[in-house]
Amino acid sequence: MLTNQKQFLYRLYFVASILVVLGLGIGYRIFDIQFLEGEKYRKIAKEKTIKNFIITPKRGNIYSDDGSLLASSITNYDVYFDAVTVTNQNFNKYINSLSEALSIKFRKPLNYFKQSLINAKTLNKRYHPIAKNISINTLNDIKKMPLFKMGGIKGGLIIEKKNYREYPLDKIAERTVGYERINEKNIYVGVGLEHAYGELLRGRNGSQLMQKISNGKWKPLTNQNQREPNPGIDIMTTINVGLQDIVHHSLLTQLEKFEADHGSVVVMETKTGAIKAISNLGRTSEGKYFEKLNYAVGESHEPGSTFKLMSMIAALEDNIVDSSTIIDTKDGTLSFYGNKVRDSKKGGYGKITAKEVFKFSSNTGIVDIITKGYSKNPQKFSDRLYNMGLNKTLNLSIKGEGLPIIPHPKDKNWNGLSLPWMAYGYGVSLTPLQTLSFYNAIANDGELLKPVILNKKNGNTNDVVNKIVLNPSICSKETLSEIKLMMESVVNEEGGTAYNIKSDQFKIAGKTGTCQVDYNTDNVQYISTFVGYFPADKPKYSCIVVIHKPDKSKG
């Protein structure tokens, strides 16, 4: 009996000891959590229920040259009622006056809002909808209403802000206006003006302290933001809405008529380099056209006969020919290492002047001029082109400019065909905008300008972007005088390759180009180009039109 009592006591002491140890452990842990690590756990709890949310600011608007909107930000708000945080006393006190205010504002029966709010309170709803897609003025009126004016906790007012981007011109200039977004790496990406001037347009983010409530929803702790967002800066571009509309629909008409793959048009103001209109349309598999890519800026390709301008300027500058020099085009065929250069006119043009070589766009004529003038020193030809600035990009603000290619004898792939092929626009590569900028320099008395599209910021005339000179003189005044007459003959003299666009209203100067692509295959395609300026005697605008791969059966 005594033994059993001792065993019982031992067990009791053992259990008691364990309980004491556990008690001490729990006590220490409570002390540790409460005092030693309390701040850590309070921070964790707070982070899970309360945190700062980024408030995206209103993005700056993009305007045309006359103040018409090209892109604008629309801010709307959604309003909800949190029935849980509102006391019964306050709810009962203000339910009638709040319902009446909402009824007057939204022109609905008073009982509609009253019953809706009572149901929300009865069911303890935390995100009961009051109004959606409302303006800031309507929101401010709601903030002043009974109960709601007490704020997010006492008044149960929840406000959600939503920003929308609108494009009034819709699909016109869509690629030029562009877009901007944040990728998965939290980096801004995009195209066009939206991305090029993103730093101005974005503004500065604000922040608001939010509390997590049921169903993963968050609500503001106060009606005031921790930090107010700063709206983005508005920018005014050089784009002219009237010209843009003409350019877009004219290009679309021709692309549809010839069922071409894609095309682009750019209109530039001669004296400033301001881009007044730019359109880029690509064909879908269904035969429709849309602003697929910014071909004018990014697509570098062999220019073909439009490059004869650059070749002729080089020959004139180096006194190889003048406009009256007689050139023998022979039978319209030249041969280089078994490869032939042919004129579009069968049998060639015979003996003609250098001016007529340009006017008729004779391939054999320009190749003969360049090969005879530079075969002993081809580097002189390439250096002359480099001196004009043709090997350099335009350093555009819009991202994605294609790289120009101007071969040079120092290149590893230079060969016996390089010089003759360059003469009439093969083996070289330029974007439409790079080609246009050079032609615009002819119209602008030799001054090569950087194309600009930003006019001013926030309507401030002090921020007007002045013209940017890339090359003050691409050639001599004497060469300019001769080349201008050659360009005028292309359009205004019978036999010129662009005589069909001669106008009785004003004189046009320019150059046509038809470049073969896929010429190493059985399915040779074409790129058709016209680039020039008008009026020829006092240039105001320069323009380039490029049509890629038209259906050959249609023209």
Foldseek 3Di string as FASTA:
>chain_A
DVVVVVVVVVVVVVVVVVVVVVVVVVVVVVCCCVPVCVVVVVVVVCVVFKDKDKAFAFFAFEAEQVRHTQKGKDKFKWKFFQLQLADPVQCVVALQQLLVLLCVLVVDDSVVSSVQSVVCNVVRPLGHTSDTRHHPVSVVSNCPTRLNVVWCRHSRIFMDMDMDMDGVVVQQCDQQCKAWDADPVRDIDIFHPCVLCVVQGRFAIFIFMWGADPPRDIGGPGPDTPGDTGGGWYFYWHADPVVSVVQAVVLQVVCLLLVFQWKKKWKAFLQFLETHYIAIWGADPVSHIGRDHRQLFAPKDFFFQLLLLLLLLLCVQVVLFFQFDKFACAQQWDDDPNDIGGFPDGGDDGIDGNLVCQQLVRLSRQLVSQCVVDVVPVQSSLVLCVLLVQQDHLPASTPNGYGWARDHPVDPPDDRVNRSQVNRGPPTIHRNSSSQQCQSCLLVQAWRWRNTITAAINPDNVRGDGIHTPDGGSHDNVSSVRSLVSQQSLCPPPSRVNVVPQDPVAGWGWHWGWDWDPVVDPDIFIKIKIWTFPRSVNTGMTMMIITTGGNVVSD
